[in-house]
Amino acid sequence: MNILAWIVLGLIAGAIGKAIYPGHQGGGILATLLLGIVGAFIGGTLATLLTTGSLQFTAATLSIPGIILAIVGAIIAIFLWGLISRRTA
């Protein structure tokens, strides 16, 4: 997949993932883009792990199932980022 398709997939998945996940997530367009790209890798890797049983780092493709996998991966990435960056008050 070329870089332009990754950017488009990242924007779509990151924006939908941020809209679905409850609460307020900071960051602008760049954070949404990176979150979506990371989500595409998480979703693609989980799909490969579940279907083949082997751990291979792959990205989701720019298709309807790929976008759904990237959204699920973006939600997982938001959750993990929330755990990492949790502030103690």
PDB file of N, CA and C in Angstrom:
ATOM      1  N   MET A   1       0.853  -1.163   0.000  1.00  0.00           N
ATOM      2  CA  MET A   1       0.000   0.000   0.000  1.00  0.00           C
ATOM      3  C   MET A   1       0.904   1.232   0.000  1.00  0.00           C
ATOM      4  N   ASN A   2       0.583   2.191  -0.831  1.00  0.00           N
ATOM      5  CA  ASN A   2       1.437   3.371  -0.890  1.00  0.00           C
ATOM      6  C   ASN A   2       1.142   4.327   0.260  1.00  0.00           C
ATOM      7  N   ILE A   3       1.973   5.310   0.404  1.00  0.00           N
ATOM      8  CA  ILE A   3       1.898   6.217   1.554  1.00  0.00           C
ATOM      9  C   ILE A   3       0.629   7.065   1.543  1.00  0.00           C
ATOM     10  N   LEU A   4       0.141   7.427   0.357  1.00  0.00           N
ATOM     11  CA  LEU A   4      -1.086   8.218   0.276  1.00  0.00           C
ATOM     12  C   LEU A   4      -2.282   7.414   0.788  1.00  0.00           C
ATOM     13  N   ALA A   5      -2.339   6.139   0.457  1.00  0.00           N
ATOM     14  CA  ALA A   5      -3.422   5.290   0.954  1.00  0.00           C
ATOM     15  C   ALA A   5      -3.320   5.121   2.470  1.00  0.00           C
ATOM     16  N   TRP A   6      -2.100   5.018   3.009  1.00  0.00           N
ATOM     17  CA  TRP A   6      -1.941   4.941   4.465  1.00  0.00           C
ATOM     18  C   TRP A   6      -2.429   6.206   5.142  1.00  0.00           C
ATOM     19  N   ILE A   7      -2.155   7.367   4.542  1.00  0.00           N
ATOM     20  CA  ILE A   7      -2.601   8.632   5.122  1.00  0.00           C
ATOM     21  C   ILE A   7      -4.120   8.707   5.118  1.00  0.00           C
ATOM     22  N   VAL A   8      -4.740   8.326   4.004  1.00  0.00           N
ATOM     23  CA  VAL A   8      -6.198   8.352   3.922  1.00  0.00           C
ATOM     24  C   VAL A   8      -6.806   7.379   4.920  1.00  0.00           C
ATOM     25  N   LEU A   9      -6.286   6.159   4.967  1.00  0.00           N
ATOM     26  CA  LEU A   9      -6.779   5.170   5.919  1.00  0.00           C
ATOM     27  C   LEU A   9      -6.567   5.635   7.355  1.00  0.00           C
ATOM     28  N   GLY A  10      -5.425   6.257   7.622  1.00  0.00           N
ATOM     29  CA  GLY A  10      -5.145   6.763   8.967  1.00  0.00           C
ATOM     30  C   GLY A  10      -6.101   7.855   9.392  1.00  0.00           C
ATOM     31  N   LEU A  11      -6.403   8.776   8.484  1.00  0.00           N
ATOM     32  CA  LEU A  11      -7.340   9.847   8.815  1.00  0.00           C
ATOM     33  C   LEU A  11      -8.745   9.307   9.065  1.00  0.00           C
ATOM     34  N   ILE A  12      -9.186   8.405   8.205  1.00  0.00           N
ATOM     35  CA  ILE A  12     -10.531   7.844   8.364  1.00  0.00           C
ATOM     36  C   ILE A  12     -10.634   7.044   9.660  1.00  0.00           C
ATOM     37  N   ALA A  13      -9.709   6.135   9.868  1.00  0.00           N
ATOM     38  CA  ALA A  13      -9.766   5.261  11.044  1.00  0.00           C
ATOM     39  C   ALA A  13      -9.548   6.041  12.335  1.00  0.00           C
ATOM     40  N   GLY A  14      -8.619   6.980  12.327  1.00  0.00           N
ATOM     41  CA  GLY A  14      -8.360   7.763  13.531  1.00  0.00           C
ATOM     42  C   GLY A  14      -9.540   8.642  13.916  1.00  0.00           C
ATOM     43  N   ALA A  15     -10.162   9.281  12.923  1.00  0.00           N
ATOM     44  CA  ALA A  15     -11.306  10.152  13.207  1.00  0.00           C
ATOM     45  C   ALA A  15     -12.499   9.351  13.712  1.00  0.00           C
ATOM     46  N   ILE A  16     -12.784   8.222  13.083  1.00  0.00           N
ATOM     47  CA  ILE A  16     -13.915   7.406  13.524  1.00  0.00           C
ATOM     48  C   ILE A  16     -13.617   6.770  14.878  1.00  0.00           C
ATOM     49  N   GLY A  17     -12.380   6.338  15.082  1.00  0.00           N
ATOM     50  CA  GLY A  17     -12.007   5.758  16.373  1.00  0.00           C
ATOM     51  C   GLY A  17     -12.126   6.765  17.509  1.00  0.00           C
ATOM     52  N   LYS A  18     -11.706   8.015  17.269  1.00  0.00           N
ATOM     53  CA  LYS A  18     -11.841   9.052  18.293  1.00  0.00           C
ATOM     54  C   LYS A  18     -13.296   9.392  18.548  1.00  0.00           C
ATOM     55  N   ALA A  19     -14.142   9.329  17.512  1.00  0.00           N
ATOM     56  CA  ALA A  19     -15.557   9.630  17.683  1.00  0.00           C
ATOM     57  C   ALA A  19     -16.273   8.531  18.465  1.00  0.00           C
ATOM     58  N   ILE A  20     -15.851   7.285  18.275  1.00  0.00           N
ATOM     59  CA  ILE A  20     -16.501   6.160  18.955  1.00  0.00           C
ATOM     60  C   ILE A  20     -16.054   6.051  20.402  1.00  0.00           C
ATOM     61  N   TYR A  21     -14.763   6.260  20.666  1.00  0.00           N
ATOM     62  CA  TYR A  21     -14.223   6.054  22.007  1.00  0.00           C
ATOM     63  C   TYR A  21     -14.781   7.112  22.959  1.00  0.00           C
ATOM     64  N   PRO A  22     -15.287   6.706  24.128  1.00  0.00           N
ATOM     65  CA  PRO A  22     -15.857   7.687  25.052  1.00  0.00           C
ATOM     66  C   PRO A  22     -14.793   8.558  25.699  1.00  0.00           C
ATOM     67  N   GLY A  23     -15.169   9.766  26.048  1.00  0.00           N
ATOM     68  CA  GLY A  23     -14.264  10.697  26.702  1.00  0.00           C
ATOM     69  C   GLY A  23     -13.611  11.629  25.710  1.00  0.00           C
ATOM     70  N   HIS A  24     -12.735  12.474  26.216  1.00  0.00           N
ATOM     71  CA  HIS A  24     -12.051  13.463  25.383  1.00  0.00           C
ATOM     72  C   HIS A  24     -10.610  13.028  25.173  1.00  0.00           C
ATOM     73  N   GLN A  25     -10.215  12.984  23.914  1.00  0.00           N
ATOM     74  CA  GLN A  25      -8.832  12.683  23.581  1.00  0.00           C
ATOM     75  C   GLN A  25      -8.218  13.942  22.993  1.00  0.00           C
ATOM     76  N   GLY A  26      -7.070  14.300  23.459  1.00  0.00           N
ATOM     77  CA  GLY A  26      -6.396  15.477  22.943  1.00  0.00           C
ATOM     78  C   GLY A  26      -5.732  15.195  21.612  1.00  0.00           C
ATOM     79  N   GLY A  27      -5.098  16.200  21.082  1.00  0.00           N
ATOM     80  CA  GLY A  27      -4.370  16.028  19.832  1.00  0.00           C
ATOM     81  C   GLY A  27      -5.129  16.605  18.663  1.00  0.00           C
ATOM     82  N   GLY A  28      -4.405  16.968  17.656  1.00  0.00           N
ATOM     83  CA  GLY A  28      -5.005  17.546  16.468  1.00  0.00           C
ATOM     84  C   GLY A  28      -5.039  16.558  15.323  1.00  0.00           C
ATOM     85  N   ILE A  29      -4.930  17.086  14.138  1.00  0.00           N
ATOM     86  CA  ILE A  29      -5.021  16.273  12.935  1.00  0.00           C
ATOM     87  C   ILE A  29      -3.843  15.309  12.817  1.00  0.00           C
ATOM     88  N   LEU A  30      -2.658  15.734  13.243  1.00  0.00           N
ATOM     89  CA  LEU A  30      -1.483  14.861  13.175  1.00  0.00           C
ATOM     90  C   LEU A  30      -1.615  13.683  14.136  1.00  0.00           C
ATOM     91  N   ALA A  31      -2.121  13.948  15.337  1.00  0.00           N
ATOM     92  CA  ALA A  31      -2.322  12.864  16.303  1.00  0.00           C
ATOM     93  C   ALA A  31      -3.383  11.890  15.801  1.00  0.00           C
ATOM     94  N   THR A  32      -4.432  12.402  15.171  1.00  0.00           N
ATOM     95  CA  THR A  32      -5.464  11.538  14.610  1.00  0.00           C
ATOM     96  C   THR A  32      -4.904  10.680  13.489  1.00  0.00           C
ATOM     97  N   LEU A  33      -4.068  11.271  12.648  1.00  0.00           N
ATOM     98  CA  LEU A  33      -3.445  10.547  11.544  1.00  0.00           C
ATOM     99  C   LEU A  33      -2.544   9.426  12.067  1.00  0.00           C
ATOM    100  N   LEU A  34      -1.686   9.746  13.010  1.00  0.00           N
ATOM    101  CA  LEU A  34      -0.783   8.735  13.572  1.00  0.00           C
ATOM    102  C   LEU A  34      -1.553   7.639  14.301  1.00  0.00           C
ATOM    103  N   LEU A  35      -2.604   8.038  15.012  1.00  0.00           N
ATOM    104  CA  LEU A  35      -3.432   7.069  15.707  1.00  0.00           C
ATOM    105  C   LEU A  35      -4.089   6.109  14.730  1.00  0.00           C
ATOM    106  N   GLY A  36      -4.563   6.620  13.609  1.00  0.00           N
ATOM    107  CA  GLY A  36      -5.183   5.765  12.607  1.00  0.00           C
ATOM    108  C   GLY A  36      -4.199   4.834  11.940  1.00  0.00           C
ATOM    109  N   ILE A  37      -2.993   5.312  11.656  1.00  0.00           N
ATOM    110  CA  ILE A  37      -1.980   4.459  11.042  1.00  0.00           C
ATOM    111  C   ILE A  37      -1.546   3.358  12.010  1.00  0.00           C
ATOM    112  N   VAL A  38      -1.340   3.718  13.265  1.00  0.00           N
ATOM    113  CA  VAL A  38      -1.019   2.705  14.283  1.00  0.00           C
ATOM    114  C   VAL A  38      -2.182   1.727  14.415  1.00  0.00           C
ATOM    115  N   GLY A  39      -3.405   2.249  14.364  1.00  0.00           N
ATOM    116  CA  GLY A  39      -4.586   1.392  14.434  1.00  0.00           C
ATOM    117  C   GLY A  39      -4.673   0.432  13.264  1.00  0.00           C
ATOM    118  N   ALA A  40      -4.274   0.885  12.073  1.00  0.00           N
ATOM    119  CA  ALA A  40      -4.279   0.005  10.906  1.00  0.00           C
ATOM    120  C   ALA A  40      -3.294  -1.142  11.094  1.00  0.00           C
ATOM    121  N   PHE A  41      -2.130  -0.849  11.669  1.00  0.00           N
ATOM    122  CA  PHE A  41      -1.159  -1.910  11.927  1.00  0.00           C
ATOM    123  C   PHE A  41      -1.644  -2.857  13.022  1.00  0.00           C
ATOM    124  N   ILE A  42      -2.243  -2.318  14.070  1.00  0.00           N
ATOM    125  CA  ILE A  42      -2.762  -3.177  15.137  1.00  0.00           C
ATOM    126  C   ILE A  42      -3.882  -4.059  14.608  1.00  0.00           C
ATOM    127  N   GLY A  43      -4.827  -3.466  13.870  1.00  0.00           N
ATOM    128  CA  GLY A  43      -5.940  -4.243  13.319  1.00  0.00           C
ATOM    129  C   GLY A  43      -5.484  -5.282  12.319  1.00  0.00           C
ATOM    130  N   GLY A  44      -4.577  -4.930  11.432  1.00  0.00           N
ATOM    131  CA  GLY A  44      -4.065  -5.887  10.456  1.00  0.00           C
ATOM    132  C   GLY A  44      -3.300  -7.020  11.100  1.00  0.00           C
ATOM    133  N   THR A  45      -2.507  -6.696  12.115  1.00  0.00           N
ATOM    134  CA  THR A  45      -1.741  -7.729  12.816  1.00  0.00           C
ATOM    135  C   THR A  45      -2.663  -8.674  13.580  1.00  0.00           C
ATOM    136  N   LEU A  46      -3.691  -8.123  14.240  1.00  0.00           N
ATOM    137  CA  LEU A  46      -4.639  -8.977  14.957  1.00  0.00           C
ATOM    138  C   LEU A  46      -5.422  -9.870  13.999  1.00  0.00           C
ATOM    139  N   ALA A  47      -5.811  -9.326  12.852  1.00  0.00           N
ATOM    140  CA  ALA A  47      -6.537 -10.137  11.870  1.00  0.00           C
ATOM    141  C   ALA A  47      -5.660 -11.257  11.334  1.00  0.00           C
ATOM    142  N   THR A  48      -4.401 -10.969  11.061  1.00  0.00           N
ATOM    143  CA  THR A  48      -3.477 -12.002  10.590  1.00  0.00           C
ATOM    144  C   THR A  48      -3.247 -13.057  11.667  1.00  0.00           C
ATOM    145  N   LEU A  49      -3.127 -12.627  12.909  1.00  0.00           N
ATOM    146  CA  LEU A  49      -2.927 -13.562  14.013  1.00  0.00           C
ATOM    147  C   LEU A  49      -4.130 -14.476  14.183  1.00  0.00           C
ATOM    148  N   LEU A  50      -5.339 -13.920  14.072  1.00  0.00           N
ATOM    149  CA  LEU A  50      -6.543 -14.729  14.257  1.00  0.00           C
ATOM    150  C   LEU A  50      -6.815 -15.662  13.078  1.00  0.00           C
ATOM    151  N   THR A  51      -6.471 -15.245  11.871  1.00  0.00           N
ATOM    152  CA  THR A  51      -6.781 -16.075  10.707  1.00  0.00           C
ATOM    153  C   THR A  51      -5.705 -17.127  10.422  1.00  0.00           C
ATOM    154  N   THR A  52      -4.437 -16.773  10.603  1.00  0.00           N
ATOM    155  CA  THR A  52      -3.371 -17.708  10.257  1.00  0.00           C
ATOM    156  C   THR A  52      -2.716 -18.345  11.473  1.00  0.00           C
ATOM    157  N   GLY A  53      -2.822 -17.719  12.624  1.00  0.00           N
ATOM    158  CA  GLY A  53      -2.185 -18.249  13.814  1.00  0.00           C
ATOM    159  C   GLY A  53      -0.732 -17.847  13.954  1.00  0.00           C
ATOM    160  N   SER A  54      -0.239 -16.998  13.040  1.00  0.00           N
ATOM    161  CA  SER A  54       1.144 -16.544  13.138  1.00  0.00           C
ATOM    162  C   SER A  54       1.164 -15.035  13.315  1.00  0.00           C
ATOM    163  N   LEU A  55       2.165 -14.556  14.005  1.00  0.00           N
ATOM    164  CA  LEU A  55       2.285 -13.129  14.278  1.00  0.00           C
ATOM    165  C   LEU A  55       3.116 -12.480  13.176  1.00  0.00           C
ATOM    166  N   GLN A  56       2.442 -11.725  12.312  1.00  0.00           N
ATOM    167  CA  GLN A  56       3.105 -10.989  11.241  1.00  0.00           C
ATOM    168  C   GLN A  56       2.621  -9.556  11.301  1.00  0.00           C
ATOM    169  N   PHE A  57       3.531  -8.595  11.218  1.00  0.00           N
ATOM    170  CA  PHE A  57       3.162  -7.193  11.263  1.00  0.00           C
ATOM    171  C   PHE A  57       2.717  -6.739   9.884  1.00  0.00           C
ATOM    172  N   THR A  58       1.408  -6.623   9.710  1.00  0.00           N
ATOM    173  CA  THR A  58       0.838  -6.180   8.447  1.00  0.00           C
ATOM    174  C   THR A  58      -0.154  -5.066   8.715  1.00  0.00           C
ATOM    175  N   ALA A  59      -0.385  -4.249   7.721  1.00  0.00           N
ATOM    176  CA  ALA A  59      -1.354  -3.161   7.843  1.00  0.00           C
ATOM    177  C   ALA A  59      -2.636  -3.550   7.147  1.00  0.00           C
ATOM    178  N   ALA A  60      -3.722  -2.982   7.615  1.00  0.00           N
ATOM    179  CA  ALA A  60      -5.003  -3.194   6.961  1.00  0.00           C
ATOM    180  C   ALA A  60      -4.994  -2.466   5.618  1.00  0.00           C
ATOM    181  N   THR A  61      -5.810  -2.942   4.695  1.00  0.00           N
ATOM    182  CA  THR A  61      -5.854  -2.340   3.370  1.00  0.00           C
ATOM    183  C   THR A  61      -6.955  -1.296   3.288  1.00  0.00           C
ATOM    184  N   LEU A  62      -6.953  -0.527   2.218  1.00  0.00           N
ATOM    185  CA  LEU A  62      -7.947   0.517   2.017  1.00  0.00           C
ATOM    186  C   LEU A  62      -9.185  -0.108   1.373  1.00  0.00           C
ATOM    187  N   SER A  63      -9.953  -0.828   2.188  1.00  0.00           N
ATOM    188  CA  SER A  63     -11.199  -1.457   1.777  1.00  0.00           C
ATOM    189  C   SER A  63     -12.132  -1.394   2.985  1.00  0.00           C
ATOM    190  N   ILE A  64     -13.373  -1.793   2.809  1.00  0.00           N
ATOM    191  CA  ILE A  64     -14.320  -1.732   3.918  1.00  0.00           C
ATOM    192  C   ILE A  64     -13.870  -2.609   5.092  1.00  0.00           C
ATOM    193  N   PRO A  65     -13.509  -3.884   4.885  1.00  0.00           N
ATOM    194  CA  PRO A  65     -13.011  -4.666   6.023  1.00  0.00           C
ATOM    195  C   PRO A  65     -11.713  -4.089   6.603  1.00  0.00           C
ATOM    196  N   GLY A  66     -10.856  -3.536   5.743  1.00  0.00           N
ATOM    197  CA  GLY A  66      -9.622  -2.932   6.221  1.00  0.00           C
ATOM    198  C   GLY A  66      -9.873  -1.709   7.077  1.00  0.00           C
ATOM    199  N   ILE A  67     -10.855  -0.901   6.680  1.00  0.00           N
ATOM    200  CA  ILE A  67     -11.198   0.280   7.467  1.00  0.00           C
ATOM    201  C   ILE A  67     -11.778  -0.127   8.813  1.00  0.00           C
ATOM    202  N   ILE A  68     -12.621  -1.160   8.819  1.00  0.00           N
ATOM    203  CA  ILE A  68     -13.188  -1.644  10.083  1.00  0.00           C
ATOM    204  C   ILE A  68     -12.083  -2.166  11.003  1.00  0.00           C
ATOM    205  N   LEU A  69     -11.143  -2.925  10.454  1.00  0.00           N
ATOM    206  CA  LEU A  69     -10.009  -3.404  11.256  1.00  0.00           C
ATOM    207  C   LEU A  69      -9.173  -2.238  11.777  1.00  0.00           C
ATOM    208  N   ALA A  70      -8.963  -1.225  10.946  1.00  0.00           N
ATOM    209  CA  ALA A  70      -8.176  -0.067  11.369  1.00  0.00           C
ATOM    210  C   ALA A  70      -8.898   0.716  12.462  1.00  0.00           C
ATOM    211  N   ILE A  71     -10.220   0.800  12.384  1.00  0.00           N
ATOM    212  CA  ILE A  71     -10.987   1.497  13.427  1.00  0.00           C
ATOM    213  C   ILE A  71     -10.876   0.750  14.749  1.00  0.00           C
ATOM    214  N   VAL A  72     -11.011  -0.574  14.701  1.00  0.00           N
ATOM    215  CA  VAL A  72     -10.856  -1.383  15.920  1.00  0.00           C
ATOM    216  C   VAL A  72      -9.443  -1.214  16.483  1.00  0.00           C
ATOM    217  N   GLY A  73      -8.443  -1.222  15.600  1.00  0.00           N
ATOM    218  CA  GLY A  73      -7.069  -0.998  16.041  1.00  0.00           C
ATOM    219  C   GLY A  73      -6.859   0.385  16.618  1.00  0.00           C
ATOM    220  N   ALA A  74      -7.516   1.398  16.039  1.00  0.00           N
ATOM    221  CA  ALA A  74      -7.399   2.762  16.567  1.00  0.00           C
ATOM    222  C   ALA A  74      -8.024   2.870  17.947  1.00  0.00           C
ATOM    223  N   ILE A  75      -9.136   2.187  18.165  1.00  0.00           N
ATOM    224  CA  ILE A  75      -9.757   2.197  19.493  1.00  0.00           C
ATOM    225  C   ILE A  75      -8.837   1.519  20.505  1.00  0.00           C
ATOM    226  N   ILE A  76      -8.201   0.426  20.109  1.00  0.00           N
ATOM    227  CA  ILE A  76      -7.235  -0.236  20.996  1.00  0.00           C
ATOM    228  C   ILE A  76      -6.055   0.694  21.271  1.00  0.00           C
ATOM    229  N   ALA A  77      -5.587   1.401  20.245  1.00  0.00           N
ATOM    230  CA  ALA A  77      -4.463   2.333  20.420  1.00  0.00           C
ATOM    231  C   ALA A  77      -4.845   3.491  21.342  1.00  0.00           C
ATOM    232  N   ILE A  78      -6.074   4.004  21.228  1.00  0.00           N
ATOM    233  CA  ILE A  78      -6.532   5.072  22.133  1.00  0.00           C
ATOM    234  C   ILE A  78      -6.539   4.570  23.567  1.00  0.00           C
ATOM    235  N   PHE A  79      -7.041   3.351  23.766  1.00  0.00           N
ATOM    236  CA  PHE A  79      -7.083   2.777  25.104  1.00  0.00           C
ATOM    237  C   PHE A  79      -5.679   2.618  25.681  1.00  0.00           C
ATOM    238  N   LEU A  80      -4.766   2.075  24.874  1.00  0.00           N
ATOM    239  CA  LEU A  80      -3.388   1.885  25.347  1.00  0.00           C
ATOM    240  C   LEU A  80      -2.700   3.218  25.622  1.00  0.00           C
ATOM    241  N   TRP A  81      -2.928   4.211  24.760  1.00  0.00           N
ATOM    242  CA  TRP A  81      -2.335   5.530  24.978  1.00  0.00           C
ATOM    243  C   TRP A  81      -2.879   6.166  26.247  1.00  0.00           C
ATOM    244  N   GLY A  82      -4.170   5.943  26.538  1.00  0.00           N
ATOM    245  CA  GLY A  82      -4.754   6.441  27.781  1.00  0.00           C
ATOM    246  C   GLY A  82      -4.121   5.797  29.001  1.00  0.00           C
ATOM    247  N   LEU A  83      -3.803   4.508  28.907  1.00  0.00           N
ATOM    248  CA  LEU A  83      -3.140   3.834  30.023  1.00  0.00           C
ATOM    249  C   LEU A  83      -1.719   4.352  30.229  1.00  0.00           C
ATOM    250  N   ILE A  84      -1.028   4.602  29.129  1.00  0.00           N
ATOM    251  CA  ILE A  84       0.361   5.057  29.215  1.00  0.00           C
ATOM    252  C   ILE A  84       0.444   6.484  29.726  1.00  0.00           C
ATOM    253  N   SER A  85      -0.422   7.339  29.233  1.00  0.00           N
ATOM    254  CA  SER A  85      -0.304   8.771  29.544  1.00  0.00           C
ATOM    255  C   SER A  85      -1.214   9.214  30.679  1.00  0.00           C
ATOM    256  N   ARG A  86      -1.733   8.275  31.446  1.00  0.00           N
ATOM    257  CA  ARG A  86      -2.609   8.638  32.556  1.00  0.00           C
ATOM    258  C   ARG A  86      -1.842   9.471  33.581  1.00  0.00           C
ATOM    259  N   ARG A  87      -2.438  10.562  33.940  1.00  0.00           N
ATOM    260  CA  ARG A  87      -1.794  11.450  34.921  1.00  0.00           C
ATOM    261  C   ARG A  87      -2.326  11.153  36.307  1.00  0.00           C
ATOM    262  N   THR A  88      -1.462  11.172  37.276  1.00  0.00           N
ATOM    263  CA  THR A  88      -1.900  10.998  38.663  1.00  0.00           C
ATOM    264  C   THR A  88      -2.081  12.363  39.274  1.00  0.00           C
ATOM    265  N   ALA A  89      -3.251  12.600  39.802  1.00  0.00           N
ATOM    266  CA  ALA A  89      -3.544  13.922  40.361  1.00  0.00           C
ATOM    267  C   ALA A  89      -3.540  13.913  41.853  1.00  0.00           C
TER     268      ALA A  89
END
